Protein backbone atom coordinates (compact mmCIF):
# COMPACT_ATOMS: atom_id res chain seq x y z
CA UNK A 1 0.00 0.00 0.00
CA UNK A 2 1.36 3.41 -0.99
CA UNK A 3 2.34 5.61 1.94
CA UNK A 4 0.33 8.83 2.25
CA UNK A 5 2.46 11.98 2.09
CA UNK A 6 1.72 14.07 5.18
CA UNK A 7 1.54 17.83 4.76
CA UNK A 8 1.34 20.70 7.20
CA UNK A 9 1.93 24.42 7.66
CA UNK A 10 5.16 25.96 8.92
CA UNK A 11 6.34 29.55 9.13
CA UNK A 12 10.09 29.16 9.51
CA UNK A 13 12.94 26.66 9.49
CA UNK A 14 15.94 27.86 11.46
CA UNK A 15 19.24 26.07 10.90
CA UNK A 16 22.20 26.06 13.31
CA UNK A 17 19.98 26.88 16.30
CA UNK A 18 21.61 26.59 19.73
CA UNK A 19 18.78 27.70 22.06
CA UNK A 20 16.21 25.01 21.30
CA UNK A 21 17.71 21.95 22.94
CA UNK A 22 21.14 20.32 23.15
CA UNK A 23 23.80 20.80 20.51
CA UNK A 24 23.38 22.36 17.08
CA UNK A 25 19.81 21.97 15.87
CA UNK A 26 17.39 22.69 13.10
CA UNK A 27 14.20 24.22 14.49
CA UNK A 28 10.98 23.79 12.52
CA UNK A 29 8.29 26.32 13.48
CA UNK A 30 4.73 25.02 13.04
CA UNK A 31 1.98 27.51 12.24
CA UNK A 32 -1.01 27.68 14.58
CA UNK A 33 -1.35 27.79 18.35
CA UNK A 34 -4.36 27.37 20.68
CA UNK A 35 -2.91 29.85 23.19
CA UNK A 36 -2.68 33.63 22.96
CA UNK A 37 0.07 34.37 25.45
CA UNK A 38 0.31 38.10 26.09
CA UNK A 39 4.12 37.90 25.95
CA UNK A 40 4.34 35.71 22.82
CA UNK A 41 7.37 36.70 20.74
CA UNK A 42 6.21 34.71 17.69
CA UNK A 43 2.72 36.16 17.01
CA UNK A 44 3.05 35.09 13.39
CA UNK A 45 2.85 31.51 14.66
CA UNK A 46 -0.58 31.88 16.28
CA UNK A 47 -2.87 31.84 13.25
CA UNK A 48 -2.84 28.44 11.48
CA UNK A 49 -3.28 30.15 8.10
CA UNK A 50 -0.75 32.21 6.10
CA UNK A 51 -0.61 35.90 7.06
CA UNK A 52 0.73 39.04 5.46
CA UNK A 53 3.37 40.98 7.40
CA UNK A 54 4.26 44.56 6.54
CA UNK A 55 7.81 45.48 7.60
CA UNK A 56 7.68 49.27 7.53
CA UNK A 57 11.41 49.90 7.79
CA UNK A 58 12.00 48.02 4.54
CA UNK A 59 9.35 49.84 2.54
CA UNK A 60 10.73 52.07 -0.26
CA UNK A 61 7.34 53.37 -1.30
CA UNK A 62 7.50 51.98 -4.85
CA UNK A 63 3.75 51.33 -4.91
CA UNK A 64 4.21 48.07 -6.86
CA UNK A 65 1.96 46.31 -4.36
CA UNK A 66 -1.07 48.56 -4.93
CA UNK A 67 -2.01 47.29 -8.38
CA UNK A 68 -1.17 43.66 -7.62
CA UNK A 69 -3.87 43.09 -4.99
CA UNK A 70 -7.02 41.54 -6.53
CA UNK A 71 -9.05 42.49 -3.44
CA UNK A 72 -7.92 46.15 -3.30
CA UNK A 73 -6.85 45.49 0.30
CA UNK A 74 -3.64 47.52 0.01
CA UNK A 75 -3.65 51.32 0.11
CA UNK A 76 -0.99 53.99 0.60
CA UNK A 77 -0.74 57.29 2.44
CA UNK A 78 2.12 59.79 2.38
CA UNK A 79 4.50 57.53 4.27
CA UNK A 80 3.33 53.93 4.48
CA UNK A 81 0.94 51.43 3.05
CA UNK A 82 -2.04 50.03 4.93
CA UNK A 83 -3.65 46.59 4.71
CA UNK A 84 -7.36 46.08 5.12
CA UNK A 85 -7.23 42.80 7.02
CA UNK A 86 -10.93 42.14 6.41
CA UNK A 87 -10.43 42.25 2.65
CA UNK A 88 -7.02 40.58 2.51
CA UNK A 89 -7.15 36.85 1.72
CA UNK A 90 -3.37 36.33 2.08
CA UNK A 91 -2.92 35.36 -1.57
CA UNK A 92 0.62 36.77 -1.46
CA UNK A 93 0.50 38.59 -4.80
CA UNK A 94 1.45 41.93 -3.22
CA UNK A 95 4.42 40.27 -1.50
CA UNK A 96 5.62 38.86 -4.82
CA UNK A 97 5.36 42.34 -6.37
CA UNK A 98 7.20 44.13 -3.53
CA UNK A 99 10.82 44.81 -4.65
CA UNK A 100 12.08 45.55 -1.12
CA UNK A 101 10.42 42.56 0.61
CA UNK A 102 8.57 44.89 2.95
CA UNK A 103 5.51 42.70 2.41
CA UNK A 104 6.08 39.08 3.37
CA UNK A 105 3.62 36.19 3.34
CA UNK A 106 4.30 34.21 6.52
CA UNK A 107 3.39 30.53 6.48
CA UNK A 108 3.69 27.87 3.81
CA UNK A 109 2.46 24.38 3.15
CA UNK A 110 5.19 21.75 3.35
CA UNK A 111 5.34 17.99 3.02
CA UNK A 112 7.02 15.89 5.68
CA UNK A 113 9.24 14.34 2.99
CA UNK A 114 10.52 17.72 1.78
CA UNK A 115 11.19 18.94 5.30
CA UNK A 116 13.05 15.75 6.17
CA UNK A 117 15.31 16.28 3.15
CA UNK A 118 16.03 19.80 4.43
CA UNK A 119 16.69 18.51 7.94
CA UNK A 120 19.07 15.80 6.69
CA UNK A 121 21.43 18.40 5.22
CA UNK A 122 22.88 19.08 8.67
CA UNK A 123 23.19 15.54 10.02
CA UNK A 124 26.96 15.96 10.34
CA UNK A 125 26.49 18.95 12.67
CA UNK A 126 23.94 17.03 14.76
CA UNK A 127 26.29 14.09 15.14
CA UNK A 128 29.30 16.20 16.07
CA UNK A 129 27.46 18.41 18.59
CA UNK A 130 24.88 16.02 20.06
CA UNK A 131 22.17 18.05 18.37
CA UNK A 132 19.18 17.26 16.21
CA UNK A 133 15.80 18.68 15.29
CA UNK A 134 13.38 20.71 17.43
CA UNK A 135 9.74 21.05 16.46
CA UNK A 136 8.40 24.33 17.78
CA UNK A 137 5.82 26.93 16.86
CA UNK A 138 3.16 27.95 17.25
CA UNK A 139 2.15 24.60 18.71
CA UNK A 140 3.12 21.36 16.91
CA UNK A 141 0.41 19.37 18.72
CA UNK A 142 -2.15 21.22 16.57
CA UNK A 143 -0.89 19.26 13.54
CA UNK A 144 -0.62 15.70 14.93
CA UNK A 145 -0.45 13.79 11.63
CA UNK A 146 2.25 16.07 10.25
CA UNK A 147 4.19 16.02 13.51
CA UNK A 148 4.02 12.25 13.81
CA UNK A 149 5.25 11.78 10.24
CA UNK A 150 8.24 14.04 10.91
CA UNK A 151 9.06 12.31 14.19
CA UNK A 152 8.91 8.89 12.55
CA UNK A 153 11.09 10.11 9.67
CA UNK A 154 13.70 11.42 12.11
CA UNK A 155 13.66 8.13 14.01
CA UNK A 156 14.29 6.21 10.80
CA UNK A 157 17.29 8.47 10.11
CA UNK A 158 18.68 8.34 13.65
CA UNK A 159 18.13 12.07 14.24
CA UNK A 160 17.52 13.26 17.82
CA UNK A 161 14.14 14.98 18.24
CA UNK A 162 12.91 17.61 20.69
CA UNK A 163 9.38 18.95 20.95
CA UNK A 164 8.93 22.50 22.25
CA UNK A 165 5.32 22.47 23.40
CA UNK A 166 2.81 24.35 25.53
CA UNK A 167 1.23 20.96 26.25
CA UNK A 168 -2.24 22.02 25.16
CA UNK A 169 -3.42 19.06 23.11
CA UNK A 170 -5.67 16.04 23.43
CA UNK A 171 -4.53 13.03 25.46
CA UNK A 172 -4.91 10.98 22.26
CA UNK A 173 -2.41 13.22 20.46
CA UNK A 174 0.03 13.07 23.36
CA UNK A 175 -0.23 9.28 23.44
CA UNK A 176 0.45 9.10 19.70
CA UNK A 177 3.75 10.95 19.85
CA UNK A 178 5.05 10.47 23.41
CA UNK A 179 7.36 7.55 22.58
CA UNK A 180 8.65 9.15 19.38
CA UNK A 181 10.09 12.27 21.03
CA UNK A 182 13.57 12.14 22.58
CA UNK A 183 13.17 15.33 24.62
CA UNK A 184 10.14 17.39 25.60
CA UNK A 185 10.78 21.11 26.16
CA UNK A 186 7.61 21.64 28.16
CA UNK A 187 6.28 25.12 28.94
CA UNK A 188 4.85 25.71 32.40
CA UNK A 189 3.75 29.34 32.41
CA UNK A 190 1.85 29.67 35.68
CA UNK A 191 0.29 27.28 38.17
CA UNK A 192 -2.66 29.57 38.94
CA UNK A 193 -5.51 28.69 36.58
CA UNK A 194 -7.14 32.13 36.75
CA UNK A 195 -3.88 33.86 35.87
CA UNK A 196 -3.28 31.34 33.09
CA UNK A 197 -6.70 32.03 31.58
CA UNK A 198 -6.19 35.78 31.80
CA UNK A 199 -2.83 35.87 30.03
CA UNK A 200 -3.03 32.90 27.63
CA UNK A 201 -6.76 32.58 26.95
CA UNK A 202 -7.02 28.96 28.13
CA UNK A 203 -7.03 26.95 31.34
CA UNK A 204 -3.82 25.26 32.48
CA UNK A 205 -5.61 22.07 33.55
CA UNK A 206 -5.06 20.15 30.31
CA UNK A 207 -1.44 21.34 30.21
CA UNK A 208 -0.71 20.05 33.72
CA UNK A 209 -2.62 16.83 33.01
CA UNK A 210 -0.50 16.15 29.92
CA UNK A 211 2.68 17.01 31.82
CA UNK A 212 1.81 14.36 34.41
CA UNK A 213 0.92 11.92 31.63
CA UNK A 214 4.32 12.30 30.01
CA UNK A 215 6.18 12.14 33.32
CA UNK A 216 4.38 8.94 34.29
CA UNK A 217 5.33 7.54 30.88
CA UNK A 218 9.00 8.10 31.72
CA UNK A 219 9.45 10.68 28.96
CA UNK A 220 12.55 12.88 29.01
CA UNK A 221 11.26 16.33 30.02
CA UNK A 222 12.87 19.70 30.56
CA UNK A 223 10.52 22.33 32.01
CA UNK A 224 10.66 25.70 30.32
CA UNK A 225 9.55 28.42 32.70
CA UNK A 226 9.15 31.91 31.17
CA UNK A 227 9.65 34.62 33.77
CA UNK A 228 7.21 37.48 33.20
CA UNK A 229 7.58 40.32 35.76
CA UNK A 230 4.43 40.97 37.75
CA UNK A 231 2.60 38.00 36.24
CA UNK A 232 4.28 34.74 37.25
CA UNK A 233 7.49 35.68 39.09
CA UNK A 234 6.00 35.65 42.61
CA UNK A 235 7.43 33.35 45.25
CA UNK A 236 4.31 31.16 45.43
CA UNK A 237 4.23 30.42 41.72
CA UNK A 238 7.95 29.72 41.61
CA UNK A 239 7.60 27.26 44.49
CA UNK A 240 4.54 25.51 43.01
CA UNK A 241 6.18 25.19 39.60
CA UNK A 242 9.28 23.64 41.11
CA UNK A 243 7.24 21.28 43.25
CA UNK A 244 5.19 20.13 40.24
CA UNK A 245 8.36 19.17 38.39
CA UNK A 246 9.99 17.43 41.36
CA UNK A 247 6.87 15.52 42.39
CA UNK A 248 6.85 13.87 38.98
CA UNK A 249 10.55 13.10 38.76
CA UNK A 250 11.48 16.00 36.48
CA UNK A 251 14.63 17.83 37.56
CA UNK A 252 15.59 19.93 34.53
CA UNK A 253 14.26 23.50 34.53
CA UNK A 254 15.17 26.21 32.04
CA UNK A 255 14.30 29.79 33.04
CA UNK A 256 13.44 32.04 30.11
CA UNK A 257 13.58 35.76 30.96
CA UNK A 258 10.88 37.85 29.31
CA UNK A 259 12.06 40.06 26.45
CA UNK A 260 10.44 42.58 24.13
CA UNK A 261 12.08 41.42 20.89
CA UNK A 262 8.81 40.43 19.23
CA UNK A 263 6.94 43.73 19.63
CA UNK A 264 7.66 44.94 16.09
CA UNK A 265 6.11 41.74 14.74
CA UNK A 266 2.77 42.71 16.27
CA UNK A 267 2.90 46.02 14.46
CA UNK A 268 3.75 44.21 11.20
CA UNK A 269 0.61 42.10 11.62
CA UNK A 270 -1.58 45.03 12.77
CA UNK A 271 -2.00 43.35 16.16
CA UNK A 272 -1.93 44.94 19.62
CA UNK A 273 0.84 44.02 22.03
CA UNK A 274 -0.84 43.65 25.41
CA UNK A 275 1.99 43.89 27.94
CA UNK A 276 2.75 47.55 27.39
CA UNK A 277 5.84 48.75 29.22
CA UNK A 278 6.80 45.59 31.13
CA UNK A 279 10.58 45.30 31.07
CA UNK A 280 12.84 42.26 31.14
CA UNK A 281 13.67 40.91 34.61
CA UNK A 282 17.08 41.90 35.94
CA UNK A 283 19.98 39.45 36.08
CA UNK A 284 19.76 39.65 39.86
CA UNK A 285 16.07 38.68 39.81
CA UNK A 286 16.74 35.74 37.50
CA UNK A 287 19.57 34.55 39.74
CA UNK A 288 17.34 34.70 42.81
CA UNK A 289 14.66 32.59 41.09
CA UNK A 290 17.32 30.13 39.99
CA UNK A 291 18.66 29.80 43.53
CA UNK A 292 15.16 29.25 44.95
CA UNK A 293 14.55 26.40 42.55
CA UNK A 294 17.97 24.88 43.17
CA UNK A 295 17.21 24.73 46.90
CA UNK A 296 14.22 22.53 46.04
CA UNK A 297 16.60 20.06 44.39
CA UNK A 298 16.22 21.08 40.75
CA UNK A 299 18.87 21.39 38.06
CA UNK A 300 18.31 24.95 36.80
CA UNK A 301 19.80 27.05 34.04
CA UNK A 302 18.92 30.48 32.66
CA UNK A 303 18.30 30.87 28.95
CA UNK A 304 17.68 28.42 26.13
CA UNK A 305 19.62 25.31 25.26
């Protein structure tokens, strides 16, 4: 029986990544996420469909895009162009016409076979560094067939796999892929359900349930704990997060300090960034959180990797 070619949507493939798991890695960013984290630095990964980004600093004002849009969704004032998001169907014709690449269509369909060929190009680097492939997003669990096909393809090729996940997926999906992932980079954002709903749009119950499911399975898990000042950096949340990991035999915790690097992306997508003037936590604050978690018996590091 002929094998069905699995296809999915991605918005980026980053080679030679060093912050998405051990060694040198290729990170594949899946498009689509069920969460809407207020601090998300990849807002272009939230919508499962392709989206048009307008990078203002690149725009030379040529006007080539205006006549290329079949929906008349692109207009221009004295300085910049504007996109009517209600009219735009993300066909990408304006992006193709733009000589300065100020307009970019983010998101593309890809087959698992084609992506695996791209991934295989760097096998030598994986082998020498103890690296591999990381599937990130967005949220890969939203595309289970595509994800499973990629994981199985990597297994067949002896390539180490990591899954960077928010954990928000069905138990059936988790069960399908849990034994095909070498390392789970598992986000725990806050233990308080009300806070989680307020800042991500969903409850944390399913996320914690799936974390326990994977831990009980004996999966290799590293907790990724984003530190967002004034939202989840209080002593109680830090303690509860550490205790959740330890109580299920997980000792690896990676602290990710909040940063504002993605703000311009929101503007490029005509979206509102919700955290306003919150600044990155100080090095001293990050060190204090690290020390608190270490005293619980955890192996803690600051930053990716």
